[in-house]
Amino acid sequence: MPLYEHVVIVRQDVSSAQVESLASNFADVVKEHGGKVEKTEHWGLRSLAYRIKKNRKGHYVLLNLDAPPAALQELERTERLNEDILRYMTIRVDALEEAPSIMMRNRSDRDDSPRERSNDTDRRPPPKAERAESENAEKEKEKEA
């Protein structure tokens, strides 16, 4: 079966316990249609980039799914009918991540990622005083030669 990452944003008015029950309801829908939920993560109440249906914040929930397309269609239909759901997004992936998602890792753990870091000190031009001194030193060397 195909593998999916499914993220749901729930209204800020809903309590954390209600968000967990919504996530379990969504898991039941997937299981009823022959799929299974590999992992569920509640990312907590986070600020939205822009207002969605008069909400500035939302509870984020990640579901890692191993389900047939029919189960996914039913899950999304259920979410469309629920007024507490602000947005949802499903992405098909090649493999599900076993470790906690990037949102759940500590800041220090994320900084150890293998991506290339830019070193701004190497790119900055030297301060004006140092440039002036180095230019003066070059002019004196030319005069001596």
C-alpha atoms as a PDB file:
ATOM      1  CA  MET A   1       0.000   0.000   0.000  1.00  0.00           C
ATOM      2  CA  PRO A   2       1.154   3.561  -0.553  1.00  0.00           C
ATOM      3  CA  LEU A   3       2.650   5.523   2.332  1.00  0.00           C
ATOM      4  CA  TYR A   4       1.422   9.012   3.245  1.00  0.00           C
ATOM      5  CA  GLU A   5       2.183  11.840   5.643  1.00  0.00           C
ATOM      6  CA  HIS A   6      -1.042  13.596   6.583  1.00  0.00           C
ATOM      7  CA  VAL A   7      -1.056  16.898   8.521  1.00  0.00           C
ATOM      8  CA  VAL A   8      -4.244  18.350   9.996  1.00  0.00           C
ATOM      9  CA  ILE A   9      -4.756  21.819  11.491  1.00  0.00           C
ATOM     10  CA  VAL A  10      -7.554  21.991  14.072  1.00  0.00           C
ATOM     11  CA  ARG A  11      -9.188  25.211  15.372  1.00  0.00           C
ATOM     12  CA  GLN A  12      -7.577  26.885  18.386  1.00  0.00           C
ATOM     13  CA  ASP A  13     -10.844  26.732  20.400  1.00  0.00           C
ATOM     14  CA  VAL A  14     -10.654  22.939  20.599  1.00  0.00           C
ATOM     15  CA  SER A  15      -8.951  21.456  23.673  1.00  0.00           C
ATOM     16  CA  SER A  16      -5.948  19.153  23.420  1.00  0.00           C
ATOM     17  CA  ALA A  17      -8.066  16.213  24.603  1.00  0.00           C
ATOM     18  CA  GLN A  18     -10.563  16.850  21.818  1.00  0.00           C
ATOM     19  CA  VAL A  19      -7.704  17.048  19.297  1.00  0.00           C
ATOM     20  CA  GLU A  20      -6.458  13.645  20.471  1.00  0.00           C
ATOM     21  CA  SER A  21      -9.964  12.186  20.116  1.00  0.00           C
ATOM     22  CA  LEU A  22     -10.233  13.644  16.585  1.00  0.00           C
ATOM     23  CA  ALA A  23      -6.898  12.009  15.721  1.00  0.00           C
ATOM     24  CA  SER A  24      -8.128   8.655  17.043  1.00  0.00           C
ATOM     25  CA  ASN A  25     -11.366   9.063  15.044  1.00  0.00           C
ATOM     26  CA  PHE A  26      -9.308   9.682  11.911  1.00  0.00           C
ATOM     27  CA  ALA A  27      -7.211   6.603  12.694  1.00  0.00           C
ATOM     28  CA  ASP A  28     -10.408   4.547  13.027  1.00  0.00           C
ATOM     29  CA  VAL A  29     -11.611   5.755   9.607  1.00  0.00           C
ATOM     30  CA  VAL A  30      -8.311   4.669   8.044  1.00  0.00           C
ATOM     31  CA  LYS A  31      -8.441   1.269   9.796  1.00  0.00           C
ATOM     32  CA  GLU A  32     -12.044   0.667   8.679  1.00  0.00           C
ATOM     33  CA  HIS A  33     -10.942   1.020   5.059  1.00  0.00           C
ATOM     34  CA  GLY A  34      -8.010  -1.369   5.257  1.00  0.00           C
ATOM     35  CA  GLY A  35      -5.185   0.984   6.201  1.00  0.00           C
ATOM     36  CA  LYS A  36      -3.155   1.544   9.317  1.00  0.00           C
ATOM     37  CA  VAL A  37      -1.711   4.523  11.152  1.00  0.00           C
ATOM     38  CA  GLU A  38       1.997   4.023  11.756  1.00  0.00           C
ATOM     39  CA  LYS A  39       2.562   7.107  13.912  1.00  0.00           C
ATOM     40  CA  THR A  40       0.571  10.011  15.357  1.00  0.00           C
ATOM     41  CA  GLU A  41       2.208  13.228  16.598  1.00  0.00           C
ATOM     42  CA  HIS A  42       0.508  16.200  18.201  1.00  0.00           C
ATOM     43  CA  TRP A  43       2.675  19.252  17.487  1.00  0.00           C
ATOM     44  CA  GLY A  44       0.654  21.489  19.772  1.00  0.00           C
ATOM     45  CA  LEU A  45      -0.905  24.900  19.340  1.00  0.00           C
ATOM     46  CA  ARG A  46       1.105  26.913  16.805  1.00  0.00           C
ATOM     47  CA  SER A  47       0.665  30.282  15.142  1.00  0.00           C
ATOM     48  CA  LEU A  48      -0.608  30.286  11.571  1.00  0.00           C
ATOM     49  CA  ALA A  49       1.161  32.262   8.850  1.00  0.00           C
ATOM     50  CA  TYR A  50      -2.131  34.004   8.057  1.00  0.00           C
ATOM     51  CA  ARG A  51      -5.698  33.938   9.334  1.00  0.00           C
ATOM     52  CA  ILE A  52      -7.731  30.903   8.301  1.00  0.00           C
ATOM     53  CA  LYS A  53     -11.471  31.048   8.993  1.00  0.00           C
ATOM     54  CA  LYS A  54     -10.894  33.819  11.595  1.00  0.00           C
ATOM     55  CA  ASN A  55      -8.239  31.784  13.463  1.00  0.00           C
ATOM     56  CA  ARG A  56      -4.683  32.944  14.118  1.00  0.00           C
ATOM     57  CA  LYS A  57      -3.548  29.694  15.781  1.00  0.00           C
ATOM     58  CA  GLY A  58      -4.217  26.015  15.307  1.00  0.00           C
ATOM     59  CA  HIS A  59      -3.452  22.581  16.735  1.00  0.00           C
ATOM     60  CA  TYR A  60      -1.213  20.630  14.341  1.00  0.00           C
ATOM     61  CA  VAL A  61      -1.439  16.825  14.118  1.00  0.00           C
ATOM     62  CA  LEU A  62       0.715  14.534  11.945  1.00  0.00           C
ATOM     63  CA  LEU A  63      -0.475  11.076  10.900  1.00  0.00           C
ATOM     64  CA  ASN A  64       1.856   8.648   9.125  1.00  0.00           C
ATOM     65  CA  LEU A  65      -0.393   6.368   7.099  1.00  0.00           C
ATOM     66  CA  ASP A  66      -0.025   3.078   5.268  1.00  0.00           C
ATOM     67  CA  ALA A  67      -3.363   3.030   3.483  1.00  0.00           C
ATOM     68  CA  PRO A  68      -5.048   2.454   0.134  1.00  0.00           C
ATOM     69  CA  PRO A  69      -6.297   5.490  -1.800  1.00  0.00           C
ATOM     70  CA  ALA A  70      -9.927   4.687  -0.896  1.00  0.00           C
ATOM     71  CA  ALA A  71      -9.128   5.040   2.817  1.00  0.00           C
ATOM     72  CA  LEU A  72      -7.456   8.370   2.164  1.00  0.00           C
ATOM     73  CA  GLN A  73     -10.452   9.643   0.201  1.00  0.00           C
ATOM     74  CA  GLU A  74     -12.786   8.717   3.043  1.00  0.00           C
ATOM     75  CA  LEU A  75     -10.478  10.353   5.601  1.00  0.00           C
ATOM     76  CA  GLU A  76     -10.401  13.602   3.628  1.00  0.00           C
ATOM     77  CA  ARG A  77     -14.186  13.493   3.144  1.00  0.00           C
ATOM     78  CA  THR A  78     -14.611  13.126   6.914  1.00  0.00           C
ATOM     79  CA  GLU A  79     -12.292  16.082   7.508  1.00  0.00           C
ATOM     80  CA  ARG A  80     -14.153  18.276   5.013  1.00  0.00           C
ATOM     81  CA  LEU A  81     -17.389  17.647   6.934  1.00  0.00           C
ATOM     82  CA  ASN A  82     -15.857  18.497  10.316  1.00  0.00           C
ATOM     83  CA  GLU A  83     -16.068  22.217  11.138  1.00  0.00           C
ATOM     84  CA  ASP A  84     -13.166  22.029  13.615  1.00  0.00           C
ATOM     85  CA  ILE A  85     -10.689  21.220  10.822  1.00  0.00           C
ATOM     86  CA  LEU A  86      -9.108  24.330   9.298  1.00  0.00           C
ATOM     87  CA  ARG A  87      -6.791  22.652   6.774  1.00  0.00           C
ATOM     88  CA  TYR A  88      -5.366  19.261   5.925  1.00  0.00           C
ATOM     89  CA  MET A  89      -2.667  18.116   3.547  1.00  0.00           C
ATOM     90  CA  THR A  90      -1.607  14.662   2.418  1.00  0.00           C
ATOM     91  CA  ILE A  91       1.741  13.886   0.830  1.00  0.00           C
ATOM     92  CA  ARG A  92       2.755  10.550  -0.629  1.00  0.00           C
ATOM     93  CA  VAL A  93       6.220   9.476   0.557  1.00  0.00           C
ATOM     94  CA  ASP A  94       8.582   6.657  -0.340  1.00  0.00           C
ATOM     95  CA  ALA A  95       9.286   5.700   3.275  1.00  0.00           C
ATOM     96  CA  LEU A  96       7.890   6.726   6.633  1.00  0.00           C
ATOM     97  CA  GLU A  97      10.260   8.270   9.148  1.00  0.00           C
ATOM     98  CA  GLU A  98      10.602   6.185  12.318  1.00  0.00           C
ATOM     99  CA  ALA A  99      12.206   8.919  14.407  1.00  0.00           C
ATOM    100  CA  PRO A 100      10.289  11.944  15.679  1.00  0.00           C
ATOM    101  CA  SER A 101       9.512  14.452  12.956  1.00  0.00           C
ATOM    102  CA  ILE A 102      11.544  17.627  12.571  1.00  0.00           C
ATOM    103  CA  MET A 103       8.857  19.575  14.416  1.00  0.00           C
ATOM    104  CA  MET A 104       9.212  17.383  17.513  1.00  0.00           C
ATOM    105  CA  ARG A 105      13.002  17.460  17.738  1.00  0.00           C
ATOM    106  CA  ASN A 106      14.831  19.878  20.011  1.00  0.00           C
ATOM    107  CA  ARG A 107      16.371  22.974  18.484  1.00  0.00           C
ATOM    108  CA  SER A 108      19.890  21.639  19.165  1.00  0.00           C
ATOM    109  CA  ASP A 109      19.092  18.349  17.407  1.00  0.00           C
ATOM    110  CA  ARG A 110      17.869  20.232  14.344  1.00  0.00           C
ATOM    111  CA  ASP A 111      21.088  22.274  14.190  1.00  0.00           C
ATOM    112  CA  ASP A 112      23.116  19.072  13.782  1.00  0.00           C
ATOM    113  CA  SER A 113      21.421  18.348  10.472  1.00  0.00           C
ATOM    114  CA  PRO A 114      23.721  17.558   7.537  1.00  0.00           C
ATOM    115  CA  ARG A 115      22.800  20.604   5.496  1.00  0.00           C
ATOM    116  CA  GLU A 116      25.549  23.082   4.709  1.00  0.00           C
ATOM    117  CA  ARG A 117      25.983  26.008   7.063  1.00  0.00           C
ATOM    118  CA  SER A 118      26.968  29.411   5.734  1.00  0.00           C
ATOM    119  CA  ASN A 119      29.822  31.110   7.504  1.00  0.00           C
ATOM    120  CA  ASP A 120      29.076  34.814   7.315  1.00  0.00           C
ATOM    121  CA  THR A 121      32.407  35.848   8.823  1.00  0.00           C
ATOM    122  CA  ASP A 122      34.276  34.549   5.759  1.00  0.00           C
ATOM    123  CA  ARG A 123      32.125  36.560   3.375  1.00  0.00           C
ATOM    124  CA  ARG A 124      32.131  39.887   5.183  1.00  0.00           C
ATOM    125  CA  PRO A 125      34.553  42.494   3.913  1.00  0.00           C
ATOM    126  CA  PRO A 126      37.085  43.670   6.489  1.00  0.00           C
ATOM    127  CA  PRO A 127      36.239  46.828   8.436  1.00  0.00           C
ATOM    128  CA  LYS A 128      37.203  50.157   6.842  1.00  0.00           C
ATOM    129  CA  ALA A 129      40.080  50.746   9.235  1.00  0.00           C
ATOM    130  CA  GLU A 130      41.687  47.402   8.350  1.00  0.00           C
ATOM    131  CA  ARG A 131      41.221  48.068   4.624  1.00  0.00           C
ATOM    132  CA  ALA A 132      42.833  51.488   4.954  1.00  0.00           C
ATOM    133  CA  GLU A 133      45.811  50.017   6.835  1.00  0.00           C
ATOM    134  CA  SER A 134      46.279  47.252   4.279  1.00  0.00           C
ATOM    135  CA  GLU A 135      46.078  49.769   1.394  1.00  0.00           C
ATOM    136  CA  ASN A 136      48.652  52.006   3.106  1.00  0.00           C
ATOM    137  CA  ALA A 137      50.952  49.042   3.642  1.00  0.00           C
ATOM    138  CA  GLU A 138      50.686  48.117  -0.063  1.00  0.00           C
ATOM    139  CA  LYS A 139      51.515  51.703  -1.123  1.00  0.00           C
ATOM    140  CA  GLU A 140      54.592  51.795   1.155  1.00  0.00           C
ATOM    141  CA  LYS A 141      55.830  48.507  -0.319  1.00  0.00           C
ATOM    142  CA  GLU A 142      55.474  49.940  -3.831  1.00  0.00           C
ATOM    143  CA  LYS A 143      57.475  53.062  -2.860  1.00  0.00           C
ATOM    144  CA  GLU A 144      60.272  50.969  -1.368  1.00  0.00           C
ATOM    145  CA  ALA A 145      60.559  48.799  -4.453  1.00  0.00           C
END
